Amino acid sequence: MRAHEERAADQLRRDRDRLTQLGVELRHAAVQGSYAGWRGQDVGFCLAALVDSVMRSLDQMPTPVRRDALAAAAAVLDGPDGPDGPRARPGGALTNGPGH
């Protein structure tokens, strides 16, 4: 395997691990009741399942989807919210998708 292929494979593994962490965190938050305002645990578990699906096929995801998924992971896992939180960084929203 060429060096650039090895680097890409290593990055894919790190990105998948990151999204796995996000899924774990979402499930934990759902169990703790953090999504009580969003119909209880259902929303948290649905979001975690979606993250799991993206993680499993990350190498096939379009670059914007991969970037947005990892930005979401950073927002949840690296917080904190507030003036120094990921949502307050220059550049604004986590995604450039519709509605942002």
C-alpha atoms as a PDB file:
ATOM      1  CA  MET A   1       0.000   0.000   0.000  1.00  0.00           C
ATOM      2  CA  ARG A   2       1.299   3.431  -0.876  1.00  0.00           C
ATOM      3  CA  ALA A   3       1.967   5.994   1.811  1.00  0.00           C
ATOM      4  CA  HIS A   4      -0.940   8.230   0.752  1.00  0.00           C
ATOM      5  CA  GLU A   5      -3.312   5.235   0.784  1.00  0.00           C
ATOM      6  CA  GLU A   6      -2.136   4.313   4.267  1.00  0.00           C
ATOM      7  CA  ARG A   7      -2.671   7.899   5.445  1.00  0.00           C
ATOM      8  CA  ALA A   8      -6.168   7.925   3.929  1.00  0.00           C
ATOM      9  CA  ALA A   9      -7.001   4.588   5.577  1.00  0.00           C
ATOM     10  CA  ASP A  10      -5.693   5.867   8.930  1.00  0.00           C
ATOM     11  CA  GLN A  11      -7.760   9.041   8.592  1.00  0.00           C
ATOM     12  CA  LEU A  12     -10.854   7.021   7.738  1.00  0.00           C
ATOM     13  CA  ARG A  13     -10.324   4.906  10.874  1.00  0.00           C
ATOM     14  CA  ARG A  14      -9.915   8.028  13.030  1.00  0.00           C
ATOM     15  CA  ASP A  15     -13.023   9.610  11.507  1.00  0.00           C
ATOM     16  CA  ARG A  16     -15.057   6.446  12.059  1.00  0.00           C
ATOM     17  CA  ASP A  17     -13.830   6.249  15.654  1.00  0.00           C
ATOM     18  CA  ARG A  18     -14.888   9.875  16.145  1.00  0.00           C
ATOM     19  CA  LEU A  19     -18.391   9.185  14.843  1.00  0.00           C
ATOM     20  CA  THR A  20     -18.594   6.066  16.993  1.00  0.00           C
ATOM     21  CA  GLN A  21     -17.848   8.293  19.997  1.00  0.00           C
ATOM     22  CA  LEU A  22     -20.627  10.644  18.905  1.00  0.00           C
ATOM     23  CA  GLY A  23     -23.110   7.762  18.736  1.00  0.00           C
ATOM     24  CA  VAL A  24     -22.124   6.635  22.226  1.00  0.00           C
ATOM     25  CA  GLU A  25     -22.536  10.167  23.554  1.00  0.00           C
ATOM     26  CA  LEU A  26     -25.960  10.567  21.921  1.00  0.00           C
ATOM     27  CA  ARG A  27     -27.151   7.285  23.413  1.00  0.00           C
ATOM     28  CA  HIS A  28     -25.850   8.293  26.832  1.00  0.00           C
ATOM     29  CA  ALA A  29     -27.600  11.653  26.605  1.00  0.00           C
ATOM     30  CA  ALA A  30     -30.833   9.962  25.513  1.00  0.00           C
ATOM     31  CA  VAL A  31     -30.713   7.614  28.468  1.00  0.00           C
ATOM     32  CA  GLN A  32     -30.041  10.518  30.798  1.00  0.00           C
ATOM     33  CA  GLY A  33     -33.134  12.288  29.517  1.00  0.00           C
ATOM     34  CA  SER A  34     -31.393  15.147  27.715  1.00  0.00           C
ATOM     35  CA  TYR A  35     -33.835  14.821  24.848  1.00  0.00           C
ATOM     36  CA  ALA A  36     -36.956  14.941  27.026  1.00  0.00           C
ATOM     37  CA  GLY A  37     -38.147  17.983  25.105  1.00  0.00           C
ATOM     38  CA  TRP A  38     -37.752  16.047  21.839  1.00  0.00           C
ATOM     39  CA  ARG A  39     -40.151  13.172  22.650  1.00  0.00           C
ATOM     40  CA  GLY A  40     -37.920  11.525  25.178  1.00  0.00           C
ATOM     41  CA  GLN A  41     -35.302   8.950  24.295  1.00  0.00           C
ATOM     42  CA  ASP A  42     -36.594   8.218  20.793  1.00  0.00           C
ATOM     43  CA  VAL A  43     -34.923  11.213  19.169  1.00  0.00           C
ATOM     44  CA  GLY A  44     -31.550  10.553  20.781  1.00  0.00           C
ATOM     45  CA  PHE A  45     -31.559   6.927  19.732  1.00  0.00           C
ATOM     46  CA  CYS A  46     -32.699   7.831  16.199  1.00  0.00           C
ATOM     47  CA  LEU A  47     -29.878  10.361  15.876  1.00  0.00           C
ATOM     48  CA  ALA A  48     -27.369   7.820  17.179  1.00  0.00           C
ATOM     49  CA  ALA A  49     -28.602   5.255  14.621  1.00  0.00           C
ATOM     50  CA  LEU A  50     -28.198   7.819  11.852  1.00  0.00           C
ATOM     51  CA  VAL A  51     -24.660   8.585  12.997  1.00  0.00           C
ATOM     52  CA  ASP A  52     -23.911   4.848  13.033  1.00  0.00           C
ATOM     53  CA  SER A  53     -25.106   4.538   9.422  1.00  0.00           C
ATOM     54  CA  VAL A  54     -22.954   7.447   8.295  1.00  0.00           C
ATOM     55  CA  MET A  55     -19.967   6.026  10.176  1.00  0.00           C
ATOM     56  CA  ARG A  56     -20.280   2.597   8.559  1.00  0.00           C
ATOM     57  CA  SER A  57     -20.308   4.018   5.035  1.00  0.00           C
ATOM     58  CA  LEU A  58     -18.061   7.012   5.691  1.00  0.00           C
ATOM     59  CA  ASP A  59     -15.720   6.144   2.826  1.00  0.00           C
ATOM     60  CA  GLN A  60     -18.682   6.411   0.440  1.00  0.00           C
ATOM     61  CA  MET A  61     -20.107   9.655   1.822  1.00  0.00           C
ATOM     62  CA  PRO A  62     -19.810  12.881  -0.150  1.00  0.00           C
ATOM     63  CA  THR A  63     -17.193  15.216   1.283  1.00  0.00           C
ATOM     64  CA  PRO A  64     -19.776  17.704   2.651  1.00  0.00           C
ATOM     65  CA  VAL A  65     -21.611  14.933   4.527  1.00  0.00           C
ATOM     66  CA  ARG A  66     -18.363  13.650   6.023  1.00  0.00           C
ATOM     67  CA  ARG A  67     -17.282  17.171   6.981  1.00  0.00           C
ATOM     68  CA  ASP A  68     -20.650  17.989   8.576  1.00  0.00           C
ATOM     69  CA  ALA A  69     -20.770  14.704  10.492  1.00  0.00           C
ATOM     70  CA  LEU A  70     -17.313  15.318  11.930  1.00  0.00           C
ATOM     71  CA  ALA A  71     -18.215  18.927  12.754  1.00  0.00           C
ATOM     72  CA  ALA A  72     -21.263  17.653  14.635  1.00  0.00           C
ATOM     73  CA  ALA A  73     -19.057  15.191  16.505  1.00  0.00           C
ATOM     74  CA  ALA A  74     -16.679  17.995  17.449  1.00  0.00           C
ATOM     75  CA  ALA A  75     -19.561  20.171  18.638  1.00  0.00           C
ATOM     76  CA  VAL A  76     -20.941  17.436  20.879  1.00  0.00           C
ATOM     77  CA  LEU A  77     -17.700  15.828  22.042  1.00  0.00           C
ATOM     78  CA  ASP A  78     -15.419  18.843  22.326  1.00  0.00           C
ATOM     79  CA  GLY A  79     -17.881  21.498  23.615  1.00  0.00           C
ATOM     80  CA  PRO A  80     -18.356  23.425  25.800  1.00  0.00           C
ATOM     81  CA  ASP A  81     -21.127  25.693  24.632  1.00  0.00           C
ATOM     82  CA  GLY A  82     -20.743  29.378  25.209  1.00  0.00           C
ATOM     83  CA  PRO A  83     -18.472  32.025  23.746  1.00  0.00           C
ATOM     84  CA  ASP A  84     -15.631  29.545  23.303  1.00  0.00           C
ATOM     85  CA  GLY A  85     -17.856  26.655  22.157  1.00  0.00           C
ATOM     86  CA  PRO A  86     -17.767  25.218  18.648  1.00  0.00           C
ATOM     87  CA  ARG A  87     -20.977  26.983  17.609  1.00  0.00           C
ATOM     88  CA  ALA A  88     -19.431  30.374  18.396  1.00  0.00           C
ATOM     89  CA  ARG A  89     -16.367  29.899  16.247  1.00  0.00           C
ATOM     90  CA  PRO A  90     -15.775  32.128  13.215  1.00  0.00           C
ATOM     91  CA  GLY A  91     -17.606  30.759  10.234  1.00  0.00           C
ATOM     92  CA  GLY A  92     -20.940  30.338  11.960  1.00  0.00           C
ATOM     93  CA  ALA A  93     -23.090  27.256  11.588  1.00  0.00           C
ATOM     94  CA  LEU A  94     -21.778  23.709  11.598  1.00  0.00           C
ATOM     95  CA  THR A  95     -23.090  23.160   8.076  1.00  0.00           C
ATOM     96  CA  ASN A  96     -23.752  25.192   4.984  1.00  0.00           C
ATOM     97  CA  GLY A  97     -26.826  23.121   4.219  1.00  0.00           C
ATOM     98  CA  PRO A  98     -30.363  24.377   3.650  1.00  0.00           C
ATOM     99  CA  GLY A  99     -31.642  26.546   6.453  1.00  0.00           C
ATOM    100  CA  HIS A 100     -28.213  27.589   7.722  1.00  0.00           C
END
